[in-house]
Amino acid sequence: MSEEQKIVINDEEHNVSDLTVETQMHVARVAEIRQEIARLQMQINERQVVLNAYRDAIINAVKPAEDEESEAEVAVQ
């Protein structure tokens, strides 16, 4: 025997089967949108890491040669 699917709306529990078909469709769509937002947020986080890597590469590429020589001297000492 399977248990009735329930949903909480405004702190009140409802059986999904008691909702209108239109409301059930809205509930399903909300779930889909939440999943899509989670996927997109993960993509944003991943892109942020890539963006930071490119930013750091640009910063290092335009860093004056003197700074690199100073860092090399400090590393040797």
PDB file of N, CA and C in Angstrom:
ATOM      1  N   MET A   1       0.845  -1.175   0.000  1.00  0.00           N
ATOM      2  CA  MET A   1       0.000   0.000   0.000  1.00  0.00           C
ATOM      3  C   MET A   1       0.895   1.243   0.000  1.00  0.00           C
ATOM      4  N   SER A   2       0.653   2.123  -0.956  1.00  0.00           N
ATOM      5  CA  SER A   2       1.456   3.329  -1.021  1.00  0.00           C
ATOM      6  C   SER A   2       0.782   4.449  -0.228  1.00  0.00           C
ATOM      7  N   GLU A   3       1.648   5.274   0.324  1.00  0.00           N
ATOM      8  CA  GLU A   3       1.147   6.368   1.142  1.00  0.00           C
ATOM      9  C   GLU A   3       0.713   7.527   0.248  1.00  0.00           C
ATOM     10  N   GLU A   4      -0.298   8.238   0.673  1.00  0.00           N
ATOM     11  CA  GLU A   4      -0.801   9.413  -0.044  1.00  0.00           C
ATOM     12  C   GLU A   4       0.275  10.499  -0.079  1.00  0.00           C
ATOM     13  N   GLN A   5       0.494  11.085  -1.239  1.00  0.00           N
ATOM     14  CA  GLN A   5       1.463  12.173  -1.353  1.00  0.00           C
ATOM     15  C   GLN A   5       0.861  13.421  -0.721  1.00  0.00           C
ATOM     16  N   LYS A   6       1.653  14.065   0.120  1.00  0.00           N
ATOM     17  CA  LYS A   6       1.174  15.258   0.818  1.00  0.00           C
ATOM     18  C   LYS A   6       2.079  16.441   0.513  1.00  0.00           C
ATOM     19  N   ILE A   7       1.526  17.624   0.698  1.00  0.00           N
ATOM     20  CA  ILE A   7       2.265  18.866   0.499  1.00  0.00           C
ATOM     21  C   ILE A   7       1.845  19.830   1.600  1.00  0.00           C
ATOM     22  N   VAL A   8       2.803  20.623   2.057  1.00  0.00           N
ATOM     23  CA  VAL A   8       2.515  21.610   3.095  1.00  0.00           C
ATOM     24  C   VAL A   8       2.427  22.985   2.438  1.00  0.00           C
ATOM     25  N   ILE A   9       1.293  23.640   2.627  1.00  0.00           N
ATOM     26  CA  ILE A   9       1.057  24.978   2.088  1.00  0.00           C
ATOM     27  C   ILE A   9       0.633  25.859   3.257  1.00  0.00           C
ATOM     28  N   ASN A  10       1.405  26.898   3.511  1.00  0.00           N
ATOM     29  CA  ASN A  10       1.126  27.809   4.631  1.00  0.00           C
ATOM     30  C   ASN A  10       0.957  27.042   5.945  1.00  0.00           C
ATOM     31  N   ASP A  11       1.896  26.152   6.209  1.00  0.00           N
ATOM     32  CA  ASP A  11       1.918  25.360   7.446  1.00  0.00           C
ATOM     33  C   ASP A  11       0.716  24.418   7.582  1.00  0.00           C
ATOM     34  N   GLU A  12       0.035  24.165   6.497  1.00  0.00           N
ATOM     35  CA  GLU A  12      -1.122  23.258   6.527  1.00  0.00           C
ATOM     36  C   GLU A  12      -0.877  22.119   5.544  1.00  0.00           C
ATOM     37  N   GLU A  13      -1.023  20.893   6.012  1.00  0.00           N
ATOM     38  CA  GLU A  13      -0.766  19.720   5.182  1.00  0.00           C
ATOM     39  C   GLU A  13      -1.988  19.397   4.329  1.00  0.00           C
ATOM     40  N   HIS A  14      -1.725  19.106   3.046  1.00  0.00           N
ATOM     41  CA  HIS A  14      -2.800  18.770   2.102  1.00  0.00           C
ATOM     42  C   HIS A  14      -2.433  17.493   1.363  1.00  0.00           C
ATOM     43  N   ASN A  15      -3.430  16.663   1.059  1.00  0.00           N
ATOM     44  CA  ASN A  15      -3.220  15.533   0.169  1.00  0.00           C
ATOM     45  C   ASN A  15      -3.189  16.088  -1.251  1.00  0.00           C
ATOM     46  N   VAL A  16      -2.184  15.717  -1.993  1.00  0.00           N
ATOM     47  CA  VAL A  16      -2.064  16.219  -3.357  1.00  0.00           C
ATOM     48  C   VAL A  16      -3.286  15.820  -4.169  1.00  0.00           C
ATOM     49  N   SER A  17      -3.794  14.631  -3.955  1.00  0.00           N
ATOM     50  CA  SER A  17      -4.958  14.167  -4.719  1.00  0.00           C
ATOM     51  C   SER A  17      -6.219  14.987  -4.432  1.00  0.00           C
ATOM     52  N   ASP A  18      -6.240  15.694  -3.302  1.00  0.00           N
ATOM     53  CA  ASP A  18      -7.392  16.534  -2.974  1.00  0.00           C
ATOM     54  C   ASP A  18      -7.334  17.887  -3.682  1.00  0.00           C
ATOM     55  N   LEU A  19      -6.185  18.235  -4.224  1.00  0.00           N
ATOM     56  CA  LEU A  19      -6.033  19.513  -4.916  1.00  0.00           C
ATOM     57  C   LEU A  19      -6.623  19.411  -6.317  1.00  0.00           C
ATOM     58  N   THR A  20      -7.000  20.548  -6.861  1.00  0.00           N
ATOM     59  CA  THR A  20      -7.504  20.536  -8.237  1.00  0.00           C
ATOM     60  C   THR A  20      -6.368  20.141  -9.177  1.00  0.00           C
ATOM     61  N   VAL A  21      -6.741  19.694 -10.379  1.00  0.00           N
ATOM     62  CA  VAL A  21      -5.741  19.314 -11.374  1.00  0.00           C
ATOM     63  C   VAL A  21      -4.837  20.501 -11.680  1.00  0.00           C
ATOM     64  N   GLU A  22      -5.417  21.684 -11.788  1.00  0.00           N
ATOM     65  CA  GLU A  22      -4.628  22.876 -12.068  1.00  0.00           C
ATOM     66  C   GLU A  22      -3.615  23.137 -10.949  1.00  0.00           C
ATOM     67  N   THR A  23      -4.042  23.012  -9.699  1.00  0.00           N
ATOM     68  CA  THR A  23      -3.138  23.226  -8.570  1.00  0.00           C
ATOM     69  C   THR A  23      -2.061  22.152  -8.538  1.00  0.00           C
ATOM     70  N   GLN A  24      -2.415  20.917  -8.850  1.00  0.00           N
ATOM     71  CA  GLN A  24      -1.418  19.846  -8.917  1.00  0.00           C
ATOM     72  C   GLN A  24      -0.370  20.164  -9.985  1.00  0.00           C
ATOM     73  N   MET A  25      -0.815  20.735 -11.106  1.00  0.00           N
ATOM     74  CA  MET A  25       0.132  21.120 -12.156  1.00  0.00           C
ATOM     75  C   MET A  25       1.045  22.245 -11.669  1.00  0.00           C
ATOM     76  N   HIS A  26       0.487  23.177 -10.926  1.00  0.00           N
ATOM     77  CA  HIS A  26       1.301  24.265 -10.377  1.00  0.00           C
ATOM     78  C   HIS A  26       2.335  23.715  -9.391  1.00  0.00           C
ATOM     79  N   VAL A  27       1.926  22.785  -8.559  1.00  0.00           N
ATOM     80  CA  VAL A  27       2.836  22.176  -7.581  1.00  0.00           C
ATOM     81  C   VAL A  27       3.975  21.468  -8.314  1.00  0.00           C
ATOM     82  N   ALA A  28       3.639  20.731  -9.357  1.00  0.00           N
ATOM     83  CA  ALA A  28       4.669  20.034 -10.135  1.00  0.00           C
ATOM     84  C   ALA A  28       5.612  21.028 -10.798  1.00  0.00           C
ATOM     85  N   ARG A  29       5.066  22.121 -11.310  1.00  0.00           N
ATOM     86  CA  ARG A  29       5.893  23.126 -11.979  1.00  0.00           C
ATOM     87  C   ARG A  29       6.825  23.818 -10.991  1.00  0.00           C
ATOM     88  N   VAL A  30       6.322  24.092  -9.793  1.00  0.00           N
ATOM     89  CA  VAL A  30       7.173  24.697  -8.755  1.00  0.00           C
ATOM     90  C   VAL A  30       8.347  23.772  -8.449  1.00  0.00           C
ATOM     91  N   ALA A  31       8.101  22.482  -8.351  1.00  0.00           N
ATOM     92  CA  ALA A  31       9.177  21.521  -8.085  1.00  0.00           C
ATOM     93  C   ALA A  31      10.197  21.536  -9.219  1.00  0.00           C
ATOM     94  N   GLU A  32       9.714  21.578 -10.461  1.00  0.00           N
ATOM     95  CA  GLU A  32      10.616  21.619 -11.616  1.00  0.00           C
ATOM     96  C   GLU A  32      11.466  22.884 -11.600  1.00  0.00           C
ATOM     97  N   ILE A  33      10.840  24.010 -11.299  1.00  0.00           N
ATOM     98  CA  ILE A  33      11.561  25.285 -11.285  1.00  0.00           C
ATOM     99  C   ILE A  33      12.607  25.295 -10.179  1.00  0.00           C
ATOM    100  N   ARG A  34      12.267  24.736  -9.023  1.00  0.00           N
ATOM    101  CA  ARG A  34      13.254  24.660  -7.932  1.00  0.00           C
ATOM    102  C   ARG A  34      14.456  23.820  -8.347  1.00  0.00           C
ATOM    103  N   GLN A  35      14.209  22.712  -9.040  1.00  0.00           N
ATOM    104  CA  GLN A  35      15.309  21.867  -9.511  1.00  0.00           C
ATOM    105  C   GLN A  35      16.158  22.614 -10.535  1.00  0.00           C
ATOM    106  N   GLU A  36      15.490  23.352 -11.419  1.00  0.00           N
ATOM    107  CA  GLU A  36      16.223  24.122 -12.429  1.00  0.00           C
ATOM    108  C   GLU A  36      17.078  25.201 -11.770  1.00  0.00           C
ATOM    109  N   ILE A  37      16.537  25.882 -10.779  1.00  0.00           N
ATOM    110  CA  ILE A  37      17.298  26.907 -10.063  1.00  0.00           C
ATOM    111  C   ILE A  37      18.527  26.283  -9.401  1.00  0.00           C
ATOM    112  N   ALA A  38      18.368  25.111  -8.806  1.00  0.00           N
ATOM    113  CA  ALA A  38      19.496  24.437  -8.165  1.00  0.00           C
ATOM    114  C   ALA A  38      20.575  24.101  -9.200  1.00  0.00           C
ATOM    115  N   ARG A  39      20.158  23.614 -10.369  1.00  0.00           N
ATOM    116  CA  ARG A  39      21.129  23.303 -11.440  1.00  0.00           C
ATOM    117  C   ARG A  39      21.834  24.568 -11.913  1.00  0.00           C
ATOM    118  N   LEU A  40      21.060  25.625 -12.101  1.00  0.00           N
ATOM    119  CA  LEU A  40      21.642  26.888 -12.559  1.00  0.00           C
ATOM    120  C   LEU A  40      22.595  27.470 -11.518  1.00  0.00           C
ATOM    121  N   GLN A  41      22.244  27.339 -10.240  1.00  0.00           N
ATOM    122  CA  GLN A  41      23.117  27.853  -9.187  1.00  0.00           C
ATOM    123  C   GLN A  41      24.443  27.099  -9.189  1.00  0.00           C
ATOM    124  N   MET A  42      24.378  25.787  -9.431  1.00  0.00           N
ATOM    125  CA  MET A  42      25.612  25.003  -9.516  1.00  0.00           C
ATOM    126  C   MET A  42      26.454  25.472 -10.701  1.00  0.00           C
ATOM    127  N   GLN A  43      25.803  25.753 -11.825  1.00  0.00           N
ATOM    128  CA  GLN A  43      26.530  26.243 -12.991  1.00  0.00           C
ATOM    129  C   GLN A  43      27.158  27.605 -12.714  1.00  0.00           C
ATOM    130  N   ILE A  44      26.433  28.466 -12.016  1.00  0.00           N
ATOM    131  CA  ILE A  44      26.972  29.774 -11.657  1.00  0.00           C
ATOM    132  C   ILE A  44      28.211  29.600 -10.786  1.00  0.00           C
ATOM    133  N   ASN A  45      28.126  28.729  -9.805  1.00  0.00           N
ATOM    134  CA  ASN A  45      29.269  28.498  -8.916  1.00  0.00           C
ATOM    135  C   ASN A  45      30.477  27.987  -9.699  1.00  0.00           C
ATOM    136  N   GLU A  46      30.239  27.068 -10.618  1.00  0.00           N
ATOM    137  CA  GLU A  46      31.332  26.533 -11.429  1.00  0.00           C
ATOM    138  C   GLU A  46      31.927  27.616 -12.328  1.00  0.00           C
ATOM    139  N   ARG A  47      31.073  28.428 -12.933  1.00  0.00           N
ATOM    140  CA  ARG A  47      31.558  29.507 -13.802  1.00  0.00           C
ATOM    141  C   ARG A  47      32.351  30.533 -13.000  1.00  0.00           C
ATOM    142  N   GLN A  48      31.964  30.754 -11.741  1.00  0.00           N
ATOM    143  CA  GLN A  48      32.687  31.702 -10.896  1.00  0.00           C
ATOM    144  C   GLN A  48      34.121  31.230 -10.662  1.00  0.00           C
ATOM    145  N   VAL A  49      34.296  29.925 -10.476  1.00  0.00           N
ATOM    146  CA  VAL A  49      35.641  29.365 -10.297  1.00  0.00           C
ATOM    147  C   VAL A  49      36.471  29.594 -11.562  1.00  0.00           C
ATOM    148  N   VAL A  50      35.884  29.337 -12.719  1.00  0.00           N
ATOM    149  CA  VAL A  50      36.585  29.537 -13.989  1.00  0.00           C
ATOM    150  C   VAL A  50      36.905  31.019 -14.181  1.00  0.00           C
ATOM    151  N   LEU A  51      35.950  31.874 -13.885  1.00  0.00           N
ATOM    152  CA  LEU A  51      36.162  33.316 -14.008  1.00  0.00           C
ATOM    153  C   LEU A  51      37.317  33.768 -13.123  1.00  0.00           C
ATOM    154  N   ASN A  52      37.359  33.286 -11.894  1.00  0.00           N
ATOM    155  CA  ASN A  52      38.452  33.640 -10.977  1.00  0.00           C
ATOM    156  C   ASN A  52      39.797  33.176 -11.517  1.00  0.00           C
ATOM    157  N   ALA A  53      39.825  31.999 -12.120  1.00  0.00           N
ATOM    158  CA  ALA A  53      41.077  31.488 -12.688  1.00  0.00           C
ATOM    159  C   ALA A  53      41.554  32.380 -13.831  1.00  0.00           C
ATOM    160  N   TYR A  54      40.641  32.789 -14.703  1.00  0.00           N
ATOM    161  CA  TYR A  54      41.020  33.699 -15.794  1.00  0.00           C
ATOM    162  C   TYR A  54      41.473  35.042 -15.236  1.00  0.00           C
ATOM    163  N   ARG A  55      40.764  35.559 -14.249  1.00  0.00           N
ATOM    164  CA  ARG A  55      41.147  36.830 -13.637  1.00  0.00           C
ATOM    165  C   ARG A  55      42.560  36.744 -13.079  1.00  0.00           C
ATOM    166  N   ASP A  56      42.851  35.670 -12.354  1.00  0.00           N
ATOM    167  CA  ASP A  56      44.187  35.498 -11.776  1.00  0.00           C
ATOM    168  C   ASP A  56      45.254  35.386 -12.863  1.00  0.00           C
ATOM    169  N   ALA A  57      44.920  34.706 -13.957  1.00  0.00           N
ATOM    170  CA  ALA A  57      45.877  34.577 -15.057  1.00  0.00           C
ATOM    171  C   ALA A  57      46.162  35.942 -15.681  1.00  0.00           C
ATOM    172  N   ILE A  58      45.127  36.765 -15.820  1.00  0.00           N
ATOM    173  CA  ILE A  58      45.312  38.113 -16.370  1.00  0.00           C
ATOM    174  C   ILE A  58      46.171  38.956 -15.435  1.00  0.00           C
ATOM    175  N   ILE A  59      45.873  38.895 -14.152  1.00  0.00           N
ATOM    176  CA  ILE A  59      46.651  39.662 -13.167  1.00  0.00           C
ATOM    177  C   ILE A  59      48.112  39.254 -13.220  1.00  0.00           C
ATOM    178  N   ASN A  60      48.373  37.950 -13.272  1.00  0.00           N
ATOM    179  CA  ASN A  60      49.757  37.469 -13.324  1.00  0.00           C
ATOM    180  C   ASN A  60      50.438  37.836 -14.635  1.00  0.00           C
ATOM    181  N   ALA A  61      49.663  37.899 -15.730  1.00  0.00           N
ATOM    182  CA  ALA A  61      50.243  38.219 -17.033  1.00  0.00           C
ATOM    183  C   ALA A  61      50.677  39.676 -17.118  1.00  0.00           C
ATOM    184  N   VAL A  62      50.002  40.556 -16.420  1.00  0.00           N
ATOM    185  CA  VAL A  62      50.352  41.975 -16.498  1.00  0.00           C
ATOM    186  C   VAL A  62      51.172  42.447 -15.308  1.00  0.00           C
ATOM    187  N   LYS A  63      51.507  41.525 -14.430  1.00  0.00           N
ATOM    188  CA  LYS A  63      52.322  41.860 -13.259  1.00  0.00           C
ATOM    189  C   LYS A  63      53.688  42.329 -13.740  1.00  0.00           C
ATOM    190  N   PRO A  64      54.186  43.446 -13.237  1.00  0.00           N
ATOM    191  CA  PRO A  64      55.501  43.932 -13.670  1.00  0.00           C
ATOM    192  C   PRO A  64      56.590  42.884 -13.429  1.00  0.00           C
ATOM    193  N   ALA A  65      57.553  42.846 -14.332  1.00  0.00           N
ATOM    194  CA  ALA A  65      58.661  41.893 -14.242  1.00  0.00           C
ATOM    195  C   ALA A  65      59.437  42.083 -12.950  1.00  0.00           C
ATOM    196  N   GLU A  66      59.524  43.315 -12.454  1.00  0.00           N
ATOM    197  CA  GLU A  66      60.252  43.573 -11.204  1.00  0.00           C
ATOM    198  C   GLU A  66      59.657  42.791 -10.048  1.00  0.00           C
ATOM    199  N   ASP A  67      58.327  42.752  -9.991  1.00  0.00           N
ATOM    200  CA  ASP A  67      57.670  42.010  -8.910  1.00  0.00           C
ATOM    201  C   ASP A  67      58.039  40.535  -8.967  1.00  0.00           C
ATOM    202  N   GLU A  68      58.093  39.985 -10.189  1.00  0.00           N
ATOM    203  CA  GLU A  68      58.449  38.579 -10.341  1.00  0.00           C
ATOM    204  C   GLU A  68      59.890  38.338  -9.911  1.00  0.00           C
ATOM    205  N   GLU A  69      60.786  39.281 -10.263  1.00  0.00           N
ATOM    206  CA  GLU A  69      62.188  39.135  -9.875  1.00  0.00           C
ATOM    207  C   GLU A  69      62.333  39.237  -8.364  1.00  0.00           C
ATOM    208  N   SER A  70      61.607  40.151  -7.742  1.00  0.00           N
ATOM    209  CA  SER A  70      61.650  40.300  -6.293  1.00  0.00           C
ATOM    210  C   SER A  70      61.157  39.031  -5.611  1.00  0.00           C
ATOM    211  N   GLU A  71      60.096  38.453  -6.132  1.00  0.00           N
ATOM    212  CA  GLU A  71      59.568  37.220  -5.556  1.00  0.00           C
ATOM    213  C   GLU A  71      60.567  36.087  -5.715  1.00  0.00           C
ATOM    214  N   ALA A  72      61.261  36.035  -6.863  1.00  0.00           N
ATOM    215  CA  ALA A  72      62.252  34.997  -7.106  1.00  0.00           C
ATOM    216  C   ALA A  72      63.417  35.164  -6.126  1.00  0.00           C
ATOM    217  N   GLU A  73      63.829  36.397  -5.885  1.00  0.00           N
ATOM    218  CA  GLU A  73      64.924  36.647  -4.945  1.00  0.00           C
ATOM    219  C   GLU A  73      64.535  36.224  -3.543  1.00  0.00           C
ATOM    220  N   VAL A  74      63.336  36.518  -3.123  1.00  0.00           N
ATOM    221  CA  VAL A  74      62.866  36.144  -1.793  1.00  0.00           C
ATOM    222  C   VAL A  74      62.822  34.628  -1.670  1.00  0.00           C
ATOM    223  N   ALA A  75      62.393  33.950  -2.739  1.00  0.00           N
ATOM    224  CA  ALA A  75      62.303  32.497  -2.713  1.00  0.00           C
ATOM    225  C   ALA A  75      63.683  31.857  -2.612  1.00  0.00           C
ATOM    226  N   VAL A  76      64.700  32.467  -3.220  1.00  0.00           N
ATOM    227  CA  VAL A  76      66.045  31.931  -3.200  1.00  0.00           C
ATOM    228  C   VAL A  76      66.706  32.136  -1.837  1.00  0.00           C
ATOM    229  N   GLN A  77      66.436  33.247  -1.194  1.00  0.00           N
ATOM    230  CA  GLN A  77      67.095  33.574   0.064  1.00  0.00           C
ATOM    231  C   GLN A  77      66.657  32.699   1.188  1.00  0.00           C
TER     232      GLN A  77
END
